[in-house]
């Protein structure tokens, strides 16, 4: 039986840290967690999830996680169970696409 993408990527790119698509993270969050709540509360949880994902500093990440916990301990647990280090800017240990593009641009300007 074949491997899923999540399991196969490290085999193909063993030295890289794979980032997850936030659109899919949000869809999974809706399907597995936020979907059980009424629309206004679901919208709030999704906004907080965006704060978790787009936090740049550790403090922004911690603040967003605290907001998540204050609103829904279940939602916070969902975040922690779903490889946050692969989709939150503050937790991502790989090199971001924007950093790579800046380096590429620098390289092309100096050649």
PDB file of N, CA and C in Angstrom:
ATOM      1  N   UNK A   1       0.835  -1.188   0.000  1.00  0.00           N
ATOM      2  CA  UNK A   1       0.000   0.000   0.000  1.00  0.00           C
ATOM      3  C   UNK A   1       0.878   1.249   0.000  1.00  0.00           C
ATOM      4  N   UNK A   2       0.509   2.259  -0.765  1.00  0.00           N
ATOM      5  CA  UNK A   2       1.291   3.479  -0.891  1.00  0.00           C
ATOM      6  C   UNK A   2       1.217   4.358   0.341  1.00  0.00           C
ATOM      7  N   UNK A   3       2.220   5.202   0.461  1.00  0.00           N
ATOM      8  CA  UNK A   3       2.254   6.170   1.549  1.00  0.00           C
ATOM      9  C   UNK A   3       1.425   7.386   1.181  1.00  0.00           C
ATOM     10  N   UNK A   4       0.939   8.071   2.201  1.00  0.00           N
ATOM     11  CA  UNK A   4       0.289   9.346   1.977  1.00  0.00           C
ATOM     12  C   UNK A   4       1.341  10.418   1.761  1.00  0.00           C
ATOM     13  N   UNK A   5       0.914  11.557   1.267  1.00  0.00           N
ATOM     14  CA  UNK A   5       1.825  12.666   0.996  1.00  0.00           C
ATOM     15  C   UNK A   5       2.592  13.078   2.249  1.00  0.00           C
ATOM     16  N   UNK A   6       1.896  13.112   3.367  1.00  0.00           N
ATOM     17  CA  UNK A   6       2.508  13.526   4.632  1.00  0.00           C
ATOM     18  C   UNK A   6       3.680  12.613   5.012  1.00  0.00           C
ATOM     19  N   UNK A   7       3.563  11.341   4.721  1.00  0.00           N
ATOM     20  CA  UNK A   7       4.615  10.379   5.041  1.00  0.00           C
ATOM     21  C   UNK A   7       5.686  10.325   3.946  1.00  0.00           C
ATOM     22  N   UNK A   8       5.308  10.601   2.695  1.00  0.00           N
ATOM     23  CA  UNK A   8       6.232  10.468   1.574  1.00  0.00           C
ATOM     24  C   UNK A   8       7.190  11.651   1.439  1.00  0.00           C
ATOM     25  N   UNK A   9       6.739  12.846   1.755  1.00  0.00           N
ATOM     26  CA  UNK A   9       7.569  14.048   1.572  1.00  0.00           C
ATOM     27  C   UNK A   9       8.916  13.935   2.287  1.00  0.00           C
ATOM     28  N   UNK A  10       8.960  13.509   3.566  1.00  0.00           N
ATOM     29  CA  UNK A  10      10.274  13.394   4.223  1.00  0.00           C
ATOM     30  C   UNK A  10      11.210  12.391   3.550  1.00  0.00           C
ATOM     31  N   UNK A  11      10.651  11.365   2.902  1.00  0.00           N
ATOM     32  CA  UNK A  11      11.493  10.410   2.173  1.00  0.00           C
ATOM     33  C   UNK A  11      12.126  11.056   0.939  1.00  0.00           C
ATOM     34  N   UNK A  12      11.373  11.907   0.275  1.00  0.00           N
ATOM     35  CA  UNK A  12      11.841  12.533  -0.959  1.00  0.00           C
ATOM     36  C   UNK A  12      12.735  13.744  -0.670  1.00  0.00           C
ATOM     37  N   UNK A  13      12.367  14.510   0.358  1.00  0.00           N
ATOM     38  CA  UNK A  13      13.117  15.709   0.749  1.00  0.00           C
ATOM     39  C   UNK A  13      13.537  15.580   2.216  1.00  0.00           C
ATOM     40  N   UNK A  14      14.505  14.726   2.512  1.00  0.00           N
ATOM     41  CA  UNK A  14      14.841  14.433   3.903  1.00  0.00           C
ATOM     42  C   UNK A  14      15.414  15.616   4.691  1.00  0.00           C
ATOM     43  N   UNK A  15      15.973  16.606   4.023  1.00  0.00           N
ATOM     44  CA  UNK A  15      16.596  17.729   4.730  1.00  0.00           C
ATOM     45  C   UNK A  15      15.721  18.978   4.780  1.00  0.00           C
ATOM     46  N   UNK A  16      14.500  18.879   4.295  1.00  0.00           N
ATOM     47  CA  UNK A  16      13.610  20.035   4.264  1.00  0.00           C
ATOM     48  C   UNK A  16      12.466  19.871   5.257  1.00  0.00           C
ATOM     49  N   UNK A  17      11.977  21.001   5.733  1.00  0.00           N
ATOM     50  CA  UNK A  17      10.819  21.019   6.631  1.00  0.00           C
ATOM     51  C   UNK A  17       9.606  21.365   5.781  1.00  0.00           C
ATOM     52  N   UNK A  18       8.663  20.456   5.695  1.00  0.00           N
ATOM     53  CA  UNK A  18       7.494  20.583   4.825  1.00  0.00           C
ATOM     54  C   UNK A  18       6.438  21.471   5.482  1.00  0.00           C
ATOM     55  N   UNK A  19       6.006  22.501   4.767  1.00  0.00           N
ATOM     56  CA  UNK A  19       4.918  23.356   5.240  1.00  0.00           C
ATOM     57  C   UNK A  19       3.588  22.866   4.691  1.00  0.00           C
ATOM     58  N   UNK A  20       2.542  22.949   5.520  1.00  0.00           N
ATOM     59  CA  UNK A  20       1.212  22.506   5.108  1.00  0.00           C
ATOM     60  C   UNK A  20       0.413  23.679   4.549  1.00  0.00           C
ATOM     61  N   UNK A  21      -0.479  23.392   3.647  1.00  0.00           N
ATOM     62  CA  UNK A  21      -1.367  24.376   3.037  1.00  0.00           C
ATOM     63  C   UNK A  21      -2.400  24.832   4.065  1.00  0.00           C
ATOM     64  N   UNK A  22      -2.431  26.142   4.335  1.00  0.00           N
ATOM     65  CA  UNK A  22      -3.355  26.636   5.350  1.00  0.00           C
ATOM     66  C   UNK A  22      -4.817  26.499   4.916  1.00  0.00           C
ATOM     67  N   UNK A  23      -5.078  26.550   3.635  1.00  0.00           N
ATOM     68  CA  UNK A  23      -6.458  26.363   3.163  1.00  0.00           C
ATOM     69  C   UNK A  23      -6.973  24.981   3.597  1.00  0.00           C
ATOM     70  N   UNK A  24      -6.115  23.971   3.492  1.00  0.00           N
ATOM     71  CA  UNK A  24      -6.515  22.629   3.912  1.00  0.00           C
ATOM     72  C   UNK A  24      -6.601  22.521   5.433  1.00  0.00           C
ATOM     73  N   UNK A  25      -5.713  23.202   6.127  1.00  0.00           N
ATOM     74  CA  UNK A  25      -5.793  23.232   7.595  1.00  0.00           C
ATOM     75  C   UNK A  25      -7.133  23.828   8.018  1.00  0.00           C
ATOM     76  N   UNK A  26      -7.508  24.946   7.406  1.00  0.00           N
ATOM     77  CA  UNK A  26      -8.773  25.597   7.760  1.00  0.00           C
ATOM     78  C   UNK A  26      -9.963  24.691   7.441  1.00  0.00           C
ATOM     79  N   UNK A  27      -9.924  24.017   6.306  1.00  0.00           N
ATOM     80  CA  UNK A  27     -11.015  23.104   5.951  1.00  0.00           C
ATOM     81  C   UNK A  27     -11.123  21.963   6.962  1.00  0.00           C
ATOM     82  N   UNK A  28      -9.982  21.396   7.333  1.00  0.00           N
ATOM     83  CA  UNK A  28      -9.996  20.324   8.334  1.00  0.00           C
ATOM     84  C   UNK A  28     -10.494  20.834   9.679  1.00  0.00           C
ATOM     85  N   UNK A  29     -10.098  22.042  10.049  1.00  0.00           N
ATOM     86  CA  UNK A  29     -10.562  22.649  11.299  1.00  0.00           C
ATOM     87  C   UNK A  29     -12.080  22.798  11.281  1.00  0.00           C
ATOM     88  N   UNK A  30     -12.610  23.281  10.155  1.00  0.00           N
ATOM     89  CA  UNK A  30     -14.072  23.412  10.029  1.00  0.00           C
ATOM     90  C   UNK A  30     -14.758  22.049  10.137  1.00  0.00           C
ATOM     91  N   UNK A  31     -14.227  21.067   9.434  1.00  0.00           N
ATOM     92  CA  UNK A  31     -14.846  19.746   9.388  1.00  0.00           C
ATOM     93  C   UNK A  31     -14.734  18.990  10.713  1.00  0.00           C
ATOM     94  N   UNK A  32     -13.596  19.124  11.376  1.00  0.00           N
ATOM     95  CA  UNK A  32     -13.314  18.295  12.544  1.00  0.00           C
ATOM     96  C   UNK A  32     -13.558  18.983  13.878  1.00  0.00           C
ATOM     97  N   UNK A  33     -13.656  20.311  13.873  1.00  0.00           N
ATOM     98  CA  UNK A  33     -13.740  21.003  15.159  1.00  0.00           C
ATOM     99  C   UNK A  33     -14.804  22.105  15.178  1.00  0.00           C
ATOM    100  N   UNK A  34     -14.592  23.148  14.387  1.00  0.00           N
ATOM    101  CA  UNK A  34     -15.452  24.331  14.456  1.00  0.00           C
ATOM    102  C   UNK A  34     -16.860  24.084  13.922  1.00  0.00           C
ATOM    103  N   UNK A  35     -17.024  23.094  13.074  1.00  0.00           N
ATOM    104  CA  UNK A  35     -18.316  22.836  12.449  1.00  0.00           C
ATOM    105  C   UNK A  35     -19.441  22.537  13.412  1.00  0.00           C
ATOM    106  N   UNK A  36     -19.120  22.119  14.613  1.00  0.00           N
ATOM    107  CA  UNK A  36     -20.166  21.775  15.584  1.00  0.00           C
ATOM    108  C   UNK A  36     -20.739  23.002  16.292  1.00  0.00           C
ATOM    109  N   UNK A  37     -20.162  24.184  16.048  1.00  0.00           N
ATOM    110  CA  UNK A  37     -20.611  25.400  16.720  1.00  0.00           C
ATOM    111  C   UNK A  37     -21.502  26.238  15.812  1.00  0.00           C
ATOM    112  N   UNK A  38     -22.261  27.146  16.421  1.00  0.00           N
ATOM    113  CA  UNK A  38     -23.101  28.081  15.667  1.00  0.00           C
ATOM    114  C   UNK A  38     -22.219  29.029  14.851  1.00  0.00           C
ATOM    115  N   UNK A  39     -22.771  29.575  13.790  1.00  0.00           N
ATOM    116  CA  UNK A  39     -22.021  30.381  12.825  1.00  0.00           C
ATOM    117  C   UNK A  39     -21.183  31.508  13.442  1.00  0.00           C
ATOM    118  N   UNK A  40     -21.726  32.339  14.336  1.00  0.00           N
ATOM    119  CA  UNK A  40     -20.890  33.433  14.859  1.00  0.00           C
ATOM    120  C   UNK A  40     -19.681  32.927  15.653  1.00  0.00           C
ATOM    121  N   UNK A  41     -19.870  31.862  16.424  1.00  0.00           N
ATOM    122  CA  UNK A  41     -18.767  31.329  17.218  1.00  0.00           C
ATOM    123  C   UNK A  41     -17.761  30.611  16.322  1.00  0.00           C
ATOM    124  N   UNK A  42     -18.259  29.922  15.304  1.00  0.00           N
ATOM    125  CA  UNK A  42     -17.393  29.253  14.335  1.00  0.00           C
ATOM    126  C   UNK A  42     -16.508  30.286  13.633  1.00  0.00           C
ATOM    127  N   UNK A  43     -17.093  31.426  13.270  1.00  0.00           N
ATOM    128  CA  UNK A  43     -16.339  32.492  12.616  1.00  0.00           C
ATOM    129  C   UNK A  43     -15.245  33.026  13.544  1.00  0.00           C
ATOM    130  N   UNK A  44     -15.555  33.186  14.813  1.00  0.00           N
ATOM    131  CA  UNK A  44     -14.568  33.635  15.789  1.00  0.00           C
ATOM    132  C   UNK A  44     -13.405  32.647  15.891  1.00  0.00           C
ATOM    133  N   UNK A  45     -13.713  31.364  15.997  1.00  0.00           N
ATOM    134  CA  UNK A  45     -12.665  30.355  16.098  1.00  0.00           C
ATOM    135  C   UNK A  45     -11.785  30.332  14.846  1.00  0.00           C
ATOM    136  N   UNK A  46     -12.391  30.513  13.689  1.00  0.00           N
ATOM    137  CA  UNK A  46     -11.606  30.544  12.450  1.00  0.00           C
ATOM    138  C   UNK A  46     -10.676  31.755  12.416  1.00  0.00           C
ATOM    139  N   UNK A  47     -11.156  32.901  12.920  1.00  0.00           N
ATOM    140  CA  UNK A  47     -10.296  34.097  12.986  1.00  0.00           C
ATOM    141  C   UNK A  47      -9.125  33.858  13.927  1.00  0.00           C
ATOM    142  N   UNK A  48      -9.381  33.203  15.032  1.00  0.00           N
ATOM    143  CA  UNK A  48      -8.300  32.913  15.974  1.00  0.00           C
ATOM    144  C   UNK A  48      -7.316  31.932  15.344  1.00  0.00           C
ATOM    145  N   UNK A  49      -7.822  30.948  14.614  1.00  0.00           N
ATOM    146  CA  UNK A  49      -6.933  30.001  13.934  1.00  0.00           C
ATOM    147  C   UNK A  49      -6.037  30.746  12.938  1.00  0.00           C
ATOM    148  N   UNK A  50      -6.577  31.735  12.251  1.00  0.00           N
ATOM    149  CA  UNK A  50      -5.758  32.550  11.347  1.00  0.00           C
ATOM    150  C   UNK A  50      -4.673  33.285  12.121  1.00  0.00           C
ATOM    151  N   UNK A  51      -5.006  33.780  13.295  1.00  0.00           N
ATOM    152  CA  UNK A  51      -3.992  34.449  14.126  1.00  0.00           C
ATOM    153  C   UNK A  51      -2.881  33.474  14.510  1.00  0.00           C
ATOM    154  N   UNK A  52      -3.263  32.234  14.841  1.00  0.00           N
ATOM    155  CA  UNK A  52      -2.267  31.207  15.173  1.00  0.00           C
ATOM    156  C   UNK A  52      -1.365  30.968  13.960  1.00  0.00           C
ATOM    157  N   UNK A  53      -1.962  30.825  12.795  1.00  0.00           N
ATOM    158  CA  UNK A  53      -1.200  30.513  11.581  1.00  0.00           C
ATOM    159  C   UNK A  53      -0.280  31.654  11.169  1.00  0.00           C
ATOM    160  N   UNK A  54      -0.760  32.876  11.233  1.00  0.00           N
ATOM    161  CA  UNK A  54       0.001  34.005  10.712  1.00  0.00           C
ATOM    162  C   UNK A  54       0.823  34.735  11.774  1.00  0.00           C
ATOM    163  N   UNK A  55       0.823  34.242  13.000  1.00  0.00           N
ATOM    164  CA  UNK A  55       1.670  34.826  14.043  1.00  0.00           C
ATOM    165  C   UNK A  55       3.125  34.721  13.596  1.00  0.00           C
ATOM    166  N   UNK A  56       3.844  35.802  13.737  1.00  0.00           N
ATOM    167  CA  UNK A  56       5.250  35.810  13.330  1.00  0.00           C
ATOM    168  C   UNK A  56       6.153  35.580  14.538  1.00  0.00           C
ATOM    169  N   UNK A  57       5.794  36.171  15.653  1.00  0.00           N
ATOM    170  CA  UNK A  57       6.609  36.031  16.860  1.00  0.00           C
ATOM    171  C   UNK A  57       6.007  34.989  17.793  1.00  0.00           C
ATOM    172  N   UNK A  58       6.834  34.506  18.696  1.00  0.00           N
ATOM    173  CA  UNK A  58       6.369  33.552  19.700  1.00  0.00           C
ATOM    174  C   UNK A  58       5.272  34.179  20.568  1.00  0.00           C
ATOM    175  N   UNK A  59       5.411  35.474  20.878  1.00  0.00           N
ATOM    176  CA  UNK A  59       4.397  36.158  21.703  1.00  0.00           C
ATOM    177  C   UNK A  59       3.052  36.224  20.977  1.00  0.00           C
ATOM    178  N   UNK A  60       3.067  36.532  19.681  1.00  0.00           N
ATOM    179  CA  UNK A  60       1.818  36.554  18.912  1.00  0.00           C
ATOM    180  C   UNK A  60       1.181  35.165  18.894  1.00  0.00           C
ATOM    181  N   UNK A  61       2.019  34.147  18.732  1.00  0.00           N
ATOM    182  CA  UNK A  61       1.519  32.763  18.738  1.00  0.00           C
ATOM    183  C   UNK A  61       0.893  32.434  20.101  1.00  0.00           C
ATOM    184  N   UNK A  62       1.604  32.741  21.173  1.00  0.00           N
ATOM    185  CA  UNK A  62       1.089  32.441  22.523  1.00  0.00           C
ATOM    186  C   UNK A  62      -0.203  33.192  22.803  1.00  0.00           C
ATOM    187  N   UNK A  63      -0.275  34.442  22.382  1.00  0.00           N
ATOM    188  CA  UNK A  63      -1.503  35.232  22.568  1.00  0.00           C
ATOM    189  C   UNK A  63      -2.675  34.612  21.812  1.00  0.00           C
ATOM    190  N   UNK A  64      -2.426  34.175  20.584  1.00  0.00           N
ATOM    191  CA  UNK A  64      -3.484  33.552  19.784  1.00  0.00           C
ATOM    192  C   UNK A  64      -3.919  32.227  20.401  1.00  0.00           C
ATOM    193  N   UNK A  65      -2.959  31.445  20.887  1.00  0.00           N
ATOM    194  CA  UNK A  65      -3.303  30.170  21.522  1.00  0.00           C
ATOM    195  C   UNK A  65      -4.083  30.389  22.819  1.00  0.00           C
ATOM    196  N   UNK A  66      -3.747  31.437  23.554  1.00  0.00           N
ATOM    197  CA  UNK A  66      -4.496  31.758  24.772  1.00  0.00           C
ATOM    198  C   UNK A  66      -5.933  32.137  24.411  1.00  0.00           C
ATOM    199  N   UNK A  67      -6.096  32.925  23.357  1.00  0.00           N
ATOM    200  CA  UNK A  67      -7.447  33.290  22.901  1.00  0.00           C
ATOM    201  C   UNK A  67      -8.219  32.041  22.488  1.00  0.00           C
ATOM    202  N   UNK A  68      -7.541  31.107  21.826  1.00  0.00           N
ATOM    203  CA  UNK A  68      -8.199  29.870  21.418  1.00  0.00           C
ATOM    204  C   UNK A  68      -8.646  29.089  22.653  1.00  0.00           C
ATOM    205  N   UNK A  69      -7.753  28.965  23.616  1.00  0.00           N
ATOM    206  CA  UNK A  69      -8.085  28.208  24.827  1.00  0.00           C
ATOM    207  C   UNK A  69      -9.224  28.857  25.607  1.00  0.00           C
ATOM    208  N   UNK A  70      -9.231  30.178  25.701  1.00  0.00           N
ATOM    209  CA  UNK A  70     -10.292  30.877  26.429  1.00  0.00           C
ATOM    210  C   UNK A  70     -11.653  30.682  25.767  1.00  0.00           C
ATOM    211  N   UNK A  71     -11.658  30.497  24.453  1.00  0.00           N
ATOM    212  CA  UNK A  71     -12.913  30.315  23.732  1.00  0.00           C
ATOM    213  C   UNK A  71     -13.311  28.857  23.564  1.00  0.00           C
ATOM    214  N   UNK A  72     -12.331  27.974  23.415  1.00  0.00           N
ATOM    215  CA  UNK A  72     -12.634  26.558  23.235  1.00  0.00           C
ATOM    216  C   UNK A  72     -11.387  25.715  23.506  1.00  0.00           C
ATOM    217  N   UNK A  73     -11.384  25.023  24.625  1.00  0.00           N
ATOM    218  CA  UNK A  73     -10.265  24.122  24.936  1.00  0.00           C
ATOM    219  C   UNK A  73     -10.159  23.033  23.869  1.00  0.00           C
ATOM    220  N   UNK A  74     -11.298  22.583  23.331  1.00  0.00           N
ATOM    221  CA  UNK A  74     -11.281  21.571  22.264  1.00  0.00           C
ATOM    222  C   UNK A  74     -10.557  22.084  21.020  1.00  0.00           C
ATOM    223  N   UNK A  75     -10.807  23.343  20.667  1.00  0.00           N
ATOM    224  CA  UNK A  75     -10.163  23.916  19.485  1.00  0.00           C
ATOM    225  C   UNK A  75      -8.658  24.041  19.708  1.00  0.00           C
ATOM    226  N   UNK A  76      -8.256  24.427  20.900  1.00  0.00           N
ATOM    227  CA  UNK A  76      -6.827  24.510  21.191  1.00  0.00           C
ATOM    228  C   UNK A  76      -6.182  23.127  21.067  1.00  0.00           C
ATOM    229  N   UNK A  77      -6.834  22.129  21.599  1.00  0.00           N
ATOM    230  CA  UNK A  77      -6.304  20.759  21.501  1.00  0.00           C
ATOM    231  C   UNK A  77      -6.226  20.311  20.046  1.00  0.00           C
ATOM    232  N   UNK A  78      -7.203  20.706  19.236  1.00  0.00           N
ATOM    233  CA  UNK A  78      -7.168  20.365  17.807  1.00  0.00           C
ATOM    234  C   UNK A  78      -5.907  20.946  17.172  1.00  0.00           C
ATOM    235  N   UNK A  79      -5.622  22.214  17.473  1.00  0.00           N
ATOM    236  CA  UNK A  79      -4.432  22.866  16.922  1.00  0.00           C
ATOM    237  C   UNK A  79      -3.182  22.082  17.305  1.00  0.00           C
ATOM    238  N   UNK A  80      -3.062  21.734  18.572  1.00  0.00           N
ATOM    239  CA  UNK A  80      -1.869  21.039  19.055  1.00  0.00           C
ATOM    240  C   UNK A  80      -1.731  19.632  18.468  1.00  0.00           C
ATOM    241  N   UNK A  81      -2.848  19.002  18.140  1.00  0.00           N
ATOM    242  CA  UNK A  81      -2.815  17.654  17.547  1.00  0.00           C
ATOM    243  C   UNK A  81      -2.506  17.670  16.043  1.00  0.00           C
ATOM    244  N   UNK A  82      -2.549  18.839  15.438  1.00  0.00           N
ATOM    245  CA  UNK A  82      -2.458  18.911  13.977  1.00  0.00           C
ATOM    246  C   UNK A  82      -1.192  19.602  13.477  1.00  0.00           C
ATOM    247  N   UNK A  83      -0.070  19.193  14.006  1.00  0.00           N
ATOM    248  CA  UNK A  83       1.248  19.576  13.478  1.00  0.00           C
ATOM    249  C   UNK A  83       1.420  21.078  13.254  1.00  0.00           C
ATOM    250  N   UNK A  84       1.121  21.860  14.283  1.00  0.00           N
ATOM    251  CA  UNK A  84       1.183  23.318  14.168  1.00  0.00           C
ATOM    252  C   UNK A  84       2.557  23.806  13.719  1.00  0.00           C
ATOM    253  N   UNK A  85       3.597  23.035  13.975  1.00  0.00           N
ATOM    254  CA  UNK A  85       4.940  23.451  13.541  1.00  0.00           C
ATOM    255  C   UNK A  85       5.129  23.341  12.028  1.00  0.00           C
ATOM    256  N   UNK A  86       4.120  22.840  11.329  1.00  0.00           N
ATOM    257  CA  UNK A  86       4.185  22.766   9.867  1.00  0.00           C
ATOM    258  C   UNK A  86       3.335  23.841   9.188  1.00  0.00           C
ATOM    259  N   UNK A  87       2.567  24.635   9.963  1.00  0.00           N
ATOM    260  CA  UNK A  87       1.717  25.628   9.307  1.00  0.00           C
ATOM    261  C   UNK A  87       1.606  26.968  10.035  1.00  0.00           C
ATOM    262  N   UNK A  88       2.154  27.102  11.213  1.00  0.00           N
ATOM    263  CA  UNK A  88       2.168  28.398  11.889  1.00  0.00           C
ATOM    264  C   UNK A  88       3.515  29.069  11.637  1.00  0.00           C
ATOM    265  N   UNK A  89       3.500  30.301  11.162  1.00  0.00           N
ATOM    266  CA  UNK A  89       4.748  31.013  10.864  1.00  0.00           C
ATOM    267  C   UNK A  89       5.675  31.043  12.077  1.00  0.00           C
ATOM    268  N   UNK A  90       5.121  31.286  13.259  1.00  0.00           N
ATOM    269  CA  UNK A  90       5.947  31.389  14.467  1.00  0.00           C
ATOM    270  C   UNK A  90       6.583  30.055  14.837  1.00  0.00           C
ATOM    271  N   UNK A  91       5.963  28.954  14.478  1.00  0.00           N
ATOM    272  CA  UNK A  91       6.455  27.631  14.841  1.00  0.00           C
ATOM    273  C   UNK A  91       7.179  26.903  13.720  1.00  0.00           C
ATOM    274  N   UNK A  92       7.101  27.422  12.515  1.00  0.00           N
ATOM    275  CA  UNK A  92       7.684  26.740  11.352  1.00  0.00           C
ATOM    276  C   UNK A  92       9.203  26.829  11.422  1.00  0.00           C
ATOM    277  N   UNK A  93       9.862  25.682  11.441  1.00  0.00           N
ATOM    278  CA  UNK A  93      11.321  25.688  11.564  1.00  0.00           C
ATOM    279  C   UNK A  93      12.025  25.683  10.213  1.00  0.00           C
ATOM    280  N   UNK A  94      11.271  25.541   9.148  1.00  0.00           N
ATOM    281  CA  UNK A  94      11.865  25.579   7.812  1.00  0.00           C
ATOM    282  C   UNK A  94      12.022  27.004   7.336  1.00  0.00           C
ATOM    283  N   UNK A  95      12.494  27.146   6.130  1.00  0.00           N
ATOM    284  CA  UNK A  95      12.668  28.464   5.539  1.00  0.00           C
ATOM    285  C   UNK A  95      11.401  28.817   4.774  1.00  0.00           C
ATOM    286  N   UNK A  96      10.866  29.994   5.031  1.00  0.00           N
ATOM    287  CA  UNK A  96       9.622  30.391   4.380  1.00  0.00           C
ATOM    288  C   UNK A  96       9.846  30.687   2.900  1.00  0.00           C
ATOM    289  N   UNK A  97       8.786  30.599   2.135  1.00  0.00           N
ATOM    290  CA  UNK A  97       8.850  30.899   0.708  1.00  0.00           C
ATOM    291  C   UNK A  97       9.286  32.342   0.490  1.00  0.00           C
ATOM    292  N   UNK A  98       8.780  33.274   1.301  1.00  0.00           N
ATOM    293  CA  UNK A  98       9.148  34.671   1.113  1.00  0.00           C
ATOM    294  C   UNK A  98      10.642  34.878   1.329  1.00  0.00           C
ATOM    295  N   UNK A  99      11.233  34.164   2.283  1.00  0.00           N
ATOM    296  CA  UNK A  99      12.674  34.262   2.513  1.00  0.00           C
ATOM    297  C   UNK A  99      13.435  33.720   1.302  1.00  0.00           C
ATOM    298  N   UNK A 100      12.988  32.594   0.773  1.00  0.00           N
ATOM    299  CA  UNK A 100      13.646  32.020  -0.401  1.00  0.00           C
ATOM    300  C   UNK A 100      13.547  32.957  -1.603  1.00  0.00           C
ATOM    301  N   UNK A 101      12.386  33.589  -1.771  1.00  0.00           N
ATOM    302  CA  UNK A 101      12.219  34.510  -2.900  1.00  0.00           C
ATOM    303  C   UNK A 101      13.137  35.715  -2.756  1.00  0.00           C
ATOM    304  N   UNK A 102      13.284  36.231  -1.537  1.00  0.00           N
ATOM    305  CA  UNK A 102      14.188  37.353  -1.308  1.00  0.00           C
ATOM    306  C   UNK A 102      15.626  36.957  -1.620  1.00  0.00           C
ATOM    307  N   UNK A 103      16.017  35.749  -1.219  1.00  0.00           N
ATOM    308  CA  UNK A 103      17.362  35.276  -1.510  1.00  0.00           C
ATOM    309  C   UNK A 103      17.552  35.100  -3.010  1.00  0.00           C
ATOM    310  N   UNK A 104      16.551  34.568  -3.686  1.00  0.00           N
ATOM    311  CA  UNK A 104      16.628  34.384  -5.138  1.00  0.00           C
ATOM    312  C   UNK A 104      16.757  35.734  -5.826  1.00  0.00           C
ATOM    313  N   UNK A 105      15.955  36.706  -5.374  1.00  0.00           N
ATOM    314  CA  UNK A 105      16.001  38.034  -5.954  1.00  0.00           C
ATOM    315  C   UNK A 105      17.388  38.650  -5.745  1.00  0.00           C
ATOM    316  N   UNK A 106      17.943  38.487  -4.569  1.00  0.00           N
ATOM    317  CA  UNK A 106      19.278  38.997  -4.281  1.00  0.00           C
ATOM    318  C   UNK A 106      20.299  38.317  -5.205  1.00  0.00           C
ATOM    319  N   UNK A 107      20.168  37.028  -5.366  1.00  0.00           N
ATOM    320  CA  UNK A 107      21.087  36.276  -6.221  1.00  0.00           C
ATOM    321  C   UNK A 107      21.009  36.768  -7.668  1.00  0.00           C
ATOM    322  N   UNK A 108      19.798  36.970  -8.156  1.00  0.00           N
ATOM    323  CA  UNK A 108      19.653  37.387  -9.561  1.00  0.00           C
ATOM    324  C   UNK A 108      20.143  38.805  -9.763  1.00  0.00           C
ATOM    325  N   UNK A 109      20.052  39.658  -8.748  1.00  0.00           N
ATOM    326  CA  UNK A 109      20.519  41.029  -8.890  1.00  0.00           C
ATOM    327  C   UNK A 109      22.045  41.121  -8.868  1.00  0.00           C
ATOM    328  N   UNK A 110      22.699  40.144  -8.221  1.00  0.00           N
ATOM    329  CA  UNK A 110      24.145  40.223  -8.089  1.00  0.00           C
ATOM    330  C   UNK A 110      24.890  39.389  -9.127  1.00  0.00           C
ATOM    331  N   UNK A 111      24.178  38.708  -9.992  1.00  0.00           N
ATOM    332  CA  UNK A 111      24.841  37.867 -10.991  1.00  0.00           C
ATOM    333  C   UNK A 111      25.293  38.684 -12.169  1.00  0.00           C
TER     334      UNK A 111
END
